[in-house]
Amino acid sequence: MRDLLLHLSSYPKPTPGWAVLAAISAADAWEARLSVALGHVHVPRVSNFLADALVDAKKAIAAENAKSDCQAKALLETFASEIGPERRGDEILIECGWTATARELVRRARRYDLTILPKYGQPDLNPIAEGLIFESGRPVLLLPERGGAGHRFAAITIGWDGSRAAARALGDSLPLCRQAESVELVAVTGEKGLPADPGLNDIRHHLATHDVDASLVELPAQGLDAGSALLRHCADAGADLLVMGAYGHSRLREFVLGGATRSVLAAAEIPVLLSH
């Protein structure tokens, strides 16, 4: 992974500084180039004359846009001041209204090896994550604050169910697995119908051809969905990266996340590499 993209947002909650520092640390560890795509939010003007007259909406909107401008400038200044010239990539400004939107970000993300998506309680995380994961064709690294060290991910857990998405995630994670100290393949049992033989041994042999020695774990779901079971196992095992395939489907033009993917987006406290 030599070409990384970090998503930043200026409003309503600006991306925290720890996320910029973590992404830079990861770029240093992987000897990669890091670019940023900043969603620069402009709150649109109110067209309702009465609303404007009663609450002075124009003044309030101007103040919020000034806040967004200030926060965007601060993020870019942090990036420029902290990253070394040999790692510095592009600064992409994506203009958007109300909150950052995924369409332009997805188009840009297709040009990079990996998109880093910070997780810090922003209200628009799911739509952005959905667009990146299911439309960019590239893996997404979900980065909560606990993942702020930006290290090489010494202990990696790979969720395996024999599916196409899991195979894609496995392939996308190989550069990180080769640098890890330990890798485990985990099949969650009792949560959904798995093949009689999910092929854990075959995948272990495949990883060995890439000089990755993986251990095998069959993990009872115990009433949890696969995503929650994997997160619980990672916490118990001390893993610092979870790798898993992402699932979703369309319903009446509305995209619906699979249960495991939804759980991970909501509850992950360690970095998660998601691929589709």
C-alpha atoms as a PDB file:
ATOM      1  CA  MET A   1       0.000   0.000   0.000  1.00  0.00           C
ATOM      2  CA  ARG A   2       1.874   3.021  -1.302  1.00  0.00           C
ATOM      3  CA  ASP A   3      -0.844   5.566  -2.062  1.00  0.00           C
ATOM      4  CA  LEU A   4      -3.317   6.457   0.720  1.00  0.00           C
ATOM      5  CA  LEU A   5      -6.287   8.821   0.927  1.00  0.00           C
ATOM      6  CA  LEU A   6      -7.543  10.315   4.198  1.00  0.00           C
ATOM      7  CA  HIS A   7     -11.094  11.646   4.406  1.00  0.00           C
ATOM      8  CA  LEU A   8     -11.509  14.873   6.390  1.00  0.00           C
ATOM      9  CA  SER A   9     -14.643  16.897   7.084  1.00  0.00           C
ATOM     10  CA  SER A  10     -14.937  20.534   8.133  1.00  0.00           C
ATOM     11  CA  TYR A  11     -18.461  20.501   9.638  1.00  0.00           C
ATOM     12  CA  PRO A  12     -20.473  20.007  11.805  1.00  0.00           C
ATOM     13  CA  LYS A  13     -17.880  18.037  13.758  1.00  0.00           C
ATOM     14  CA  PRO A  14     -14.480  18.630  12.193  1.00  0.00           C
ATOM     15  CA  THR A  15     -12.191  15.643  11.892  1.00  0.00           C
ATOM     16  CA  PRO A  16     -10.088  15.515  15.090  1.00  0.00           C
ATOM     17  CA  GLY A  17      -6.385  16.176  14.910  1.00  0.00           C
ATOM     18  CA  TRP A  18      -5.582  12.671  16.174  1.00  0.00           C
ATOM     19  CA  ALA A  19      -6.934  11.233  12.919  1.00  0.00           C
ATOM     20  CA  VAL A  20      -4.552  13.334  10.812  1.00  0.00           C
ATOM     21  CA  LEU A  21      -1.607  12.323  12.990  1.00  0.00           C
ATOM     22  CA  ALA A  22      -2.605   8.647  12.909  1.00  0.00           C
ATOM     23  CA  ALA A  23      -2.863   8.631   9.110  1.00  0.00           C
ATOM     24  CA  ILE A  24       0.534  10.309   8.810  1.00  0.00           C
ATOM     25  CA  SER A  25       2.003   7.743  11.196  1.00  0.00           C
ATOM     26  CA  ALA A  26       0.539   4.931   9.072  1.00  0.00           C
ATOM     27  CA  ALA A  27       1.983   6.489   5.914  1.00  0.00           C
ATOM     28  CA  ASP A  28       5.398   6.637   7.581  1.00  0.00           C
ATOM     29  CA  ALA A  29       5.149   3.020   8.757  1.00  0.00           C
ATOM     30  CA  TRP A  30       4.129   1.788   5.303  1.00  0.00           C
ATOM     31  CA  GLU A  31       6.451   4.168   3.385  1.00  0.00           C
ATOM     32  CA  ALA A  32       3.360   5.467   1.595  1.00  0.00           C
ATOM     33  CA  ARG A  33       2.196   8.734   0.079  1.00  0.00           C
ATOM     34  CA  LEU A  34      -0.760  10.320   1.886  1.00  0.00           C
ATOM     35  CA  SER A  35      -3.341  12.601   0.274  1.00  0.00           C
ATOM     36  CA  VAL A  36      -6.337  14.224   1.945  1.00  0.00           C
ATOM     37  CA  ALA A  37      -9.853  14.738   0.610  1.00  0.00           C
ATOM     38  CA  LEU A  38     -11.526  17.474   2.630  1.00  0.00           C
ATOM     39  CA  GLY A  39     -15.302  17.760   2.589  1.00  0.00           C
ATOM     40  CA  HIS A  40     -15.679  21.553   2.824  1.00  0.00           C
ATOM     41  CA  VAL A  41     -19.237  22.155   3.976  1.00  0.00           C
ATOM     42  CA  HIS A  42     -21.219  25.270   3.033  1.00  0.00           C
ATOM     43  CA  VAL A  43     -24.597  25.528   4.757  1.00  0.00           C
ATOM     44  CA  PRO A  44     -27.059  26.664   2.038  1.00  0.00           C
ATOM     45  CA  ARG A  45     -28.976  29.889   2.350  1.00  0.00           C
ATOM     46  CA  VAL A  46     -32.589  29.795   3.554  1.00  0.00           C
ATOM     47  CA  SER A  47     -35.122  30.855   0.919  1.00  0.00           C
ATOM     48  CA  ASN A  48     -38.064  31.260   3.297  1.00  0.00           C
ATOM     49  CA  PHE A  49     -38.480  35.002   3.909  1.00  0.00           C
ATOM     50  CA  LEU A  50     -40.454  34.553   7.150  1.00  0.00           C
ATOM     51  CA  ALA A  51     -37.862  32.196   8.643  1.00  0.00           C
ATOM     52  CA  ASP A  52     -35.133  34.642   7.761  1.00  0.00           C
ATOM     53  CA  ALA A  53     -37.005  37.546   9.322  1.00  0.00           C
ATOM     54  CA  LEU A  54     -37.875  35.719  12.542  1.00  0.00           C
ATOM     55  CA  VAL A  55     -34.535  34.120  13.388  1.00  0.00           C
ATOM     56  CA  ASP A  56     -32.062  36.140  11.319  1.00  0.00           C
ATOM     57  CA  ALA A  57     -31.184  32.980   9.426  1.00  0.00           C
ATOM     58  CA  LYS A  58     -28.749  34.686   7.071  1.00  0.00           C
ATOM     59  CA  LYS A  59     -26.591  35.833   9.952  1.00  0.00           C
ATOM     60  CA  ALA A  60     -26.700  32.401  11.623  1.00  0.00           C
ATOM     61  CA  ILE A  61     -25.820  30.618   8.375  1.00  0.00           C
ATOM     62  CA  ALA A  62     -22.960  33.017   7.715  1.00  0.00           C
ATOM     63  CA  ALA A  63     -21.587  32.282  11.176  1.00  0.00           C
ATOM     64  CA  GLU A  64     -21.775  28.516  10.617  1.00  0.00           C
ATOM     65  CA  ASN A  65     -20.061  28.814   7.240  1.00  0.00           C
ATOM     66  CA  ALA A  66     -17.331  30.930   8.810  1.00  0.00           C
ATOM     67  CA  LYS A  67     -16.884  28.169  11.402  1.00  0.00           C
ATOM     68  CA  SER A  68     -16.662  25.558   8.631  1.00  0.00           C
ATOM     69  CA  ASP A  69     -14.082  27.670   6.760  1.00  0.00           C
ATOM     70  CA  CYS A  70     -11.994  28.088   9.894  1.00  0.00           C
ATOM     71  CA  GLN A  71     -12.116  24.377  10.700  1.00  0.00           C
ATOM     72  CA  ALA A  72     -11.200  23.424   7.133  1.00  0.00           C
ATOM     73  CA  LYS A  73      -8.213  25.763   7.204  1.00  0.00           C
ATOM     74  CA  ALA A  74      -7.060  24.341  10.543  1.00  0.00           C
ATOM     75  CA  LEU A  75      -7.238  20.764   9.243  1.00  0.00           C
ATOM     76  CA  LEU A  76      -5.168  21.556   6.158  1.00  0.00           C
ATOM     77  CA  GLU A  77      -2.641  23.467   8.252  1.00  0.00           C
ATOM     78  CA  THR A  78      -2.280  20.494  10.598  1.00  0.00           C
ATOM     79  CA  PHE A  79      -1.753  18.164   7.665  1.00  0.00           C
ATOM     80  CA  ALA A  80       0.816  20.445   6.017  1.00  0.00           C
ATOM     81  CA  SER A  81       2.769  21.060   9.207  1.00  0.00           C
ATOM     82  CA  GLU A  82       2.921  17.465  10.408  1.00  0.00           C
ATOM     83  CA  ILE A  83       3.612  15.455   7.238  1.00  0.00           C
ATOM     84  CA  GLY A  84       7.066  15.141   5.743  1.00  0.00           C
ATOM     85  CA  PRO A  85       7.616  16.275   2.151  1.00  0.00           C
ATOM     86  CA  GLU A  86       8.418  12.733   1.006  1.00  0.00           C
ATOM     87  CA  ARG A  87       4.987  11.536   2.216  1.00  0.00           C
ATOM     88  CA  ARG A  88       2.857  14.509   1.213  1.00  0.00           C
ATOM     89  CA  GLY A  89       0.320  13.864  -1.526  1.00  0.00           C
ATOM     90  CA  ASP A  90      -2.594  15.889  -2.858  1.00  0.00           C
ATOM     91  CA  GLU A  91      -4.977  18.195  -1.016  1.00  0.00           C
ATOM     92  CA  ILE A  92      -8.405  17.644  -2.582  1.00  0.00           C
ATOM     93  CA  LEU A  93     -11.177  20.083  -1.689  1.00  0.00           C
ATOM     94  CA  ILE A  94     -14.719  18.724  -2.119  1.00  0.00           C
ATOM     95  CA  GLU A  95     -17.359  21.430  -1.830  1.00  0.00           C
ATOM     96  CA  CYS A  96     -20.641  20.229  -0.348  1.00  0.00           C
ATOM     97  CA  GLY A  97     -23.791  21.477   1.391  1.00  0.00           C
ATOM     98  CA  TRP A  98     -24.889  20.719   4.971  1.00  0.00           C
ATOM     99  CA  THR A  99     -22.700  17.630   5.399  1.00  0.00           C
ATOM    100  CA  ALA A 100     -20.010  15.918   3.379  1.00  0.00           C
ATOM    101  CA  THR A 101     -21.366  13.736   0.585  1.00  0.00           C
ATOM    102  CA  ALA A 102     -19.863  10.537  -0.740  1.00  0.00           C
ATOM    103  CA  ARG A 103     -20.197  10.838  -4.524  1.00  0.00           C
ATOM    104  CA  GLU A 104     -17.142  12.973  -5.259  1.00  0.00           C
ATOM    105  CA  LEU A 105     -15.159  11.257  -2.521  1.00  0.00           C
ATOM    106  CA  VAL A 106     -15.891   7.838  -4.036  1.00  0.00           C
ATOM    107  CA  ARG A 107     -14.761   8.992  -7.479  1.00  0.00           C
ATOM    108  CA  ARG A 108     -11.474  10.208  -6.035  1.00  0.00           C
ATOM    109  CA  ALA A 109     -10.968   7.135  -3.818  1.00  0.00           C
ATOM    110  CA  ARG A 110     -10.784   4.850  -6.860  1.00  0.00           C
ATOM    111  CA  ARG A 111      -7.353   6.317  -7.598  1.00  0.00           C
ATOM    112  CA  TYR A 112      -5.786   5.214  -4.300  1.00  0.00           C
ATOM    113  CA  ASP A 113      -4.796   1.923  -2.680  1.00  0.00           C
ATOM    114  CA  LEU A 114      -6.758   2.561   0.503  1.00  0.00           C
ATOM    115  CA  THR A 115      -9.074   5.202   1.977  1.00  0.00           C
ATOM    116  CA  ILE A 116      -8.762   5.980   5.681  1.00  0.00           C
ATOM    117  CA  LEU A 117     -12.102   6.930   7.243  1.00  0.00           C
ATOM    118  CA  PRO A 118     -11.846   8.312  10.808  1.00  0.00           C
ATOM    119  CA  LYS A 119     -14.573   7.272  13.241  1.00  0.00           C
ATOM    120  CA  TYR A 120     -15.274  10.002  15.793  1.00  0.00           C
ATOM    121  CA  GLY A 121     -19.035  10.331  16.191  1.00  0.00           C
ATOM    122  CA  GLN A 122     -19.728  12.283  13.019  1.00  0.00           C
ATOM    123  CA  PRO A 123     -23.418  12.061  12.007  1.00  0.00           C
ATOM    124  CA  ASP A 124     -22.753  11.243   8.345  1.00  0.00           C
ATOM    125  CA  LEU A 125     -20.360   8.307   8.833  1.00  0.00           C
ATOM    126  CA  ASN A 126     -22.650   5.583   7.474  1.00  0.00           C
ATOM    127  CA  PRO A 127     -23.532   7.190   4.110  1.00  0.00           C
ATOM    128  CA  ILE A 128     -19.881   8.006   3.471  1.00  0.00           C
ATOM    129  CA  ALA A 129     -18.733   4.546   4.550  1.00  0.00           C
ATOM    130  CA  GLU A 130     -21.389   2.877   2.387  1.00  0.00           C
ATOM    131  CA  GLY A 131     -20.339   4.842  -0.680  1.00  0.00           C
ATOM    132  CA  LEU A 132     -16.636   4.167  -0.192  1.00  0.00           C
ATOM    133  CA  ILE A 133     -16.997   0.479   0.621  1.00  0.00           C
ATOM    134  CA  PHE A 134     -19.538  -0.483  -2.026  1.00  0.00           C
ATOM    135  CA  GLU A 135     -18.756   1.926  -4.856  1.00  0.00           C
ATOM    136  CA  SER A 136     -15.050   2.795  -4.806  1.00  0.00           C
ATOM    137  CA  GLY A 137     -13.744  -0.697  -5.554  1.00  0.00           C
ATOM    138  CA  ARG A 138     -11.025  -0.079  -2.966  1.00  0.00           C
ATOM    139  CA  PRO A 139     -10.630  -1.129   0.676  1.00  0.00           C
ATOM    140  CA  VAL A 140     -11.560   1.239   3.496  1.00  0.00           C
ATOM    141  CA  LEU A 141      -9.743   1.491   6.818  1.00  0.00           C
ATOM    142  CA  LEU A 142     -12.204   2.500   9.541  1.00  0.00           C
ATOM    143  CA  LEU A 143     -10.063   4.301  12.105  1.00  0.00           C
ATOM    144  CA  PRO A 144     -11.376   4.947  15.633  1.00  0.00           C
ATOM    145  CA  GLU A 145      -9.335   6.954  18.108  1.00  0.00           C
ATOM    146  CA  ARG A 146      -7.886   3.852  19.720  1.00  0.00           C
ATOM    147  CA  GLY A 147      -6.185   3.183  16.381  1.00  0.00           C
ATOM    148  CA  GLY A 148      -4.385   6.500  16.582  1.00  0.00           C
ATOM    149  CA  ALA A 149      -0.911   4.984  16.896  1.00  0.00           C
ATOM    150  CA  GLY A 150      -0.789   4.286  13.149  1.00  0.00           C
ATOM    151  CA  HIS A 151       1.452   1.261  13.707  1.00  0.00           C
ATOM    152  CA  ARG A 152       2.000  -1.722  11.445  1.00  0.00           C
ATOM    153  CA  PHE A 153      -0.829  -3.735  13.038  1.00  0.00           C
ATOM    154  CA  ALA A 154       1.069  -6.469  14.855  1.00  0.00           C
ATOM    155  CA  ALA A 155      -1.935  -8.722  15.583  1.00  0.00           C
ATOM    156  CA  ILE A 156      -4.477  -9.114  12.769  1.00  0.00           C
ATOM    157  CA  THR A 157      -7.785 -10.994  12.871  1.00  0.00           C
ATOM    158  CA  ILE A 158      -9.409 -11.927   9.548  1.00  0.00           C
ATOM    159  CA  GLY A 159     -13.095 -12.818   9.492  1.00  0.00           C
ATOM    160  CA  TRP A 160     -13.621 -15.682   7.039  1.00  0.00           C
ATOM    161  CA  ASP A 161     -16.893 -17.200   5.791  1.00  0.00           C
ATOM    162  CA  GLY A 162     -15.899 -18.376   2.323  1.00  0.00           C
ATOM    163  CA  SER A 163     -17.732 -15.525   0.577  1.00  0.00           C
ATOM    164  CA  ARG A 164     -16.615 -13.297  -2.285  1.00  0.00           C
ATOM    165  CA  ALA A 165     -16.461 -10.257  -0.004  1.00  0.00           C
ATOM    166  CA  ALA A 166     -14.312 -12.116   2.533  1.00  0.00           C
ATOM    167  CA  ALA A 167     -11.959 -13.218  -0.245  1.00  0.00           C
ATOM    168  CA  ARG A 168     -11.636  -9.635  -1.454  1.00  0.00           C
ATOM    169  CA  ALA A 169     -10.880  -8.405   2.074  1.00  0.00           C
ATOM    170  CA  LEU A 170      -8.292 -11.144   2.512  1.00  0.00           C
ATOM    171  CA  GLY A 171      -6.543 -10.136  -0.703  1.00  0.00           C
ATOM    172  CA  ASP A 172      -6.630  -6.448   0.162  1.00  0.00           C
ATOM    173  CA  SER A 173      -5.088  -7.131   3.576  1.00  0.00           C
ATOM    174  CA  LEU A 174      -2.059  -9.105   2.337  1.00  0.00           C
ATOM    175  CA  PRO A 175       0.398  -6.171   2.459  1.00  0.00           C
ATOM    176  CA  LEU A 176      -0.511  -5.636   6.127  1.00  0.00           C
ATOM    177  CA  CYS A 177      -0.528  -9.348   6.987  1.00  0.00           C
ATOM    178  CA  ARG A 178       3.022  -9.736   5.676  1.00  0.00           C
ATOM    179  CA  GLN A 179       4.169  -7.097   8.194  1.00  0.00           C
ATOM    180  CA  ALA A 180       2.191  -8.489  11.138  1.00  0.00           C
ATOM    181  CA  GLU A 181       3.589 -10.530  13.999  1.00  0.00           C
ATOM    182  CA  SER A 182       0.480 -12.731  14.203  1.00  0.00           C
ATOM    183  CA  VAL A 183      -2.499 -13.411  11.933  1.00  0.00           C
ATOM    184  CA  GLU A 184      -5.563 -15.483  12.720  1.00  0.00           C
ATOM    185  CA  LEU A 185      -8.390 -16.672  10.489  1.00  0.00           C
ATOM    186  CA  VAL A 186     -11.703 -16.676  12.343  1.00  0.00           C
ATOM    187  CA  ALA A 187     -14.919 -18.345  11.170  1.00  0.00           C
ATOM    188  CA  VAL A 188     -18.016 -17.368  13.168  1.00  0.00           C
ATOM    189  CA  THR A 189     -20.260 -20.398  13.611  1.00  0.00           C
ATOM    190  CA  GLY A 190     -23.940 -20.559  14.506  1.00  0.00           C
ATOM    191  CA  GLU A 191     -24.828 -17.094  13.190  1.00  0.00           C
ATOM    192  CA  LYS A 192     -25.709 -17.901   9.569  1.00  0.00           C
ATOM    193  CA  GLY A 193     -25.484 -20.787   7.165  1.00  0.00           C
ATOM    194  CA  LEU A 194     -21.824 -21.473   6.392  1.00  0.00           C
ATOM    195  CA  PRO A 195     -20.517 -24.093   3.974  1.00  0.00           C
ATOM    196  CA  ALA A 196     -19.861 -27.425   5.621  1.00  0.00           C
ATOM    197  CA  ASP A 197     -16.179 -26.621   5.113  1.00  0.00           C
ATOM    198  CA  PRO A 198     -15.530 -22.860   4.887  1.00  0.00           C
ATOM    199  CA  GLY A 199     -12.028 -23.653   3.661  1.00  0.00           C
ATOM    200  CA  LEU A 200     -10.000 -22.348   6.596  1.00  0.00           C
ATOM    201  CA  ASN A 201      -7.161 -24.782   5.969  1.00  0.00           C
ATOM    202  CA  ASP A 202      -7.032 -23.913   2.279  1.00  0.00           C
ATOM    203  CA  ILE A 203      -6.867 -20.211   3.091  1.00  0.00           C
ATOM    204  CA  ARG A 204      -4.166 -20.887   5.651  1.00  0.00           C
ATOM    205  CA  HIS A 205      -2.110 -22.636   2.963  1.00  0.00           C
ATOM    206  CA  HIS A 206      -2.774 -19.751   0.578  1.00  0.00           C
ATOM    207  CA  LEU A 207      -1.493 -17.237   3.131  1.00  0.00           C
ATOM    208  CA  ALA A 208       1.597 -19.385   3.656  1.00  0.00           C
ATOM    209  CA  THR A 209       2.506 -18.868  -0.004  1.00  0.00           C
ATOM    210  CA  HIS A 210       2.687 -15.168   0.870  1.00  0.00           C
ATOM    211  CA  ASP A 211       4.919 -15.901   3.895  1.00  0.00           C
ATOM    212  CA  VAL A 212       2.042 -15.383   6.328  1.00  0.00           C
ATOM    213  CA  ASP A 213       1.668 -18.001   9.076  1.00  0.00           C
ATOM    214  CA  ALA A 214      -1.971 -17.879  10.235  1.00  0.00           C
ATOM    215  CA  SER A 215      -3.706 -19.657  13.097  1.00  0.00           C
ATOM    216  CA  LEU A 216      -7.287 -20.960  12.776  1.00  0.00           C
ATOM    217  CA  VAL A 217     -10.217 -20.189  15.088  1.00  0.00           C
ATOM    218  CA  GLU A 218     -13.830 -21.363  14.954  1.00  0.00           C
ATOM    219  CA  LEU A 219     -15.816 -18.847  16.996  1.00  0.00           C
ATOM    220  CA  PRO A 220     -19.348 -19.597  18.290  1.00  0.00           C
ATOM    221  CA  ALA A 221     -21.622 -16.600  17.726  1.00  0.00           C
ATOM    222  CA  GLN A 222     -23.462 -17.107  21.026  1.00  0.00           C
ATOM    223  CA  GLY A 223     -26.462 -15.093  19.857  1.00  0.00           C
ATOM    224  CA  LEU A 224     -24.452 -12.242  18.320  1.00  0.00           C
ATOM    225  CA  ASP A 225     -24.247 -11.259  14.664  1.00  0.00           C
ATOM    226  CA  ALA A 226     -20.924 -12.020  12.997  1.00  0.00           C
ATOM    227  CA  GLY A 227     -19.649  -8.457  13.255  1.00  0.00           C
ATOM    228  CA  SER A 228     -20.324  -8.190  16.978  1.00  0.00           C
ATOM    229  CA  ALA A 229     -18.847 -11.646  17.594  1.00  0.00           C
ATOM    230  CA  LEU A 230     -15.677 -10.692  15.726  1.00  0.00           C
ATOM    231  CA  LEU A 231     -15.323  -7.435  17.646  1.00  0.00           C
ATOM    232  CA  ARG A 232     -15.757  -9.242  20.960  1.00  0.00           C
ATOM    233  CA  HIS A 233     -13.162 -11.806  19.949  1.00  0.00           C
ATOM    234  CA  CYS A 234     -10.716  -9.074  18.883  1.00  0.00           C
ATOM    235  CA  ALA A 235     -11.085  -7.421  22.282  1.00  0.00           C
ATOM    236  CA  ASP A 236     -10.475 -10.738  24.082  1.00  0.00           C
ATOM    237  CA  ALA A 237      -7.537 -11.704  21.867  1.00  0.00           C
ATOM    238  CA  GLY A 238      -5.871  -8.284  21.864  1.00  0.00           C
ATOM    239  CA  ALA A 239      -6.069  -7.873  18.070  1.00  0.00           C
ATOM    240  CA  ASP A 240      -5.271  -4.414  16.749  1.00  0.00           C
ATOM    241  CA  LEU A 241      -6.801  -4.819  13.270  1.00  0.00           C
ATOM    242  CA  LEU A 242      -9.941  -6.626  12.107  1.00  0.00           C
ATOM    243  CA  VAL A 243     -10.225  -7.548   8.419  1.00  0.00           C
ATOM    244  CA  MET A 244     -13.658  -8.467   7.074  1.00  0.00           C
ATOM    245  CA  GLY A 245     -15.827  -8.402   3.996  1.00  0.00           C
ATOM    246  CA  ALA A 246     -18.644  -5.856   3.933  1.00  0.00           C
ATOM    247  CA  TYR A 247     -22.207  -6.768   3.001  1.00  0.00           C
ATOM    248  CA  GLY A 248     -25.268  -4.829   1.920  1.00  0.00           C
ATOM    249  CA  HIS A 249     -28.188  -4.838  -0.496  1.00  0.00           C
ATOM    250  CA  SER A 250     -30.569  -2.415  -2.146  1.00  0.00           C
ATOM    251  CA  ARG A 251     -34.207  -2.205  -1.117  1.00  0.00           C
ATOM    252  CA  LEU A 252     -36.581   0.176  -2.929  1.00  0.00           C
ATOM    253  CA  ARG A 253     -33.625   2.391  -3.947  1.00  0.00           C
ATOM    254  CA  GLU A 254     -32.450   2.637  -0.344  1.00  0.00           C
ATOM    255  CA  PHE A 255     -29.178   0.993   0.487  1.00  0.00           C
ATOM    256  CA  VAL A 256     -29.378  -1.311   3.486  1.00  0.00           C
ATOM    257  CA  LEU A 257     -26.262  -2.459   5.307  1.00  0.00           C
ATOM    258  CA  GLY A 258     -25.902  -6.067   6.337  1.00  0.00           C
ATOM    259  CA  GLY A 259     -26.167  -6.686  10.063  1.00  0.00           C
ATOM    260  CA  ALA A 260     -22.489  -7.534  10.603  1.00  0.00           C
ATOM    261  CA  THR A 261     -21.293  -4.470   8.689  1.00  0.00           C
ATOM    262  CA  ARG A 262     -23.734  -2.198  10.505  1.00  0.00           C
ATOM    263  CA  SER A 263     -22.558  -3.501  13.889  1.00  0.00           C
ATOM    264  CA  VAL A 264     -18.908  -2.913  13.047  1.00  0.00           C
ATOM    265  CA  LEU A 265     -19.503   0.644  11.823  1.00  0.00           C
ATOM    266  CA  ALA A 266     -21.397   1.424  15.014  1.00  0.00           C
ATOM    267  CA  ALA A 267     -19.274  -0.307  17.628  1.00  0.00           C
ATOM    268  CA  ALA A 268     -15.695  -0.801  16.377  1.00  0.00           C
ATOM    269  CA  GLU A 269     -13.087   0.400  18.846  1.00  0.00           C
ATOM    270  CA  ILE A 270     -10.107  -0.925  16.878  1.00  0.00           C
ATOM    271  CA  PRO A 271      -9.202  -0.261  13.216  1.00  0.00           C
ATOM    272  CA  VAL A 272     -11.197  -2.334  10.722  1.00  0.00           C
ATOM    273  CA  LEU A 273     -10.258  -3.011   7.097  1.00  0.00           C
ATOM    274  CA  LEU A 274     -13.513  -3.382   5.128  1.00  0.00           C
ATOM    275  CA  SER A 275     -13.743  -4.577   1.522  1.00  0.00           C
ATOM    276  CA  HIS A 276     -16.575  -5.525  -0.796  1.00  0.00           C
END
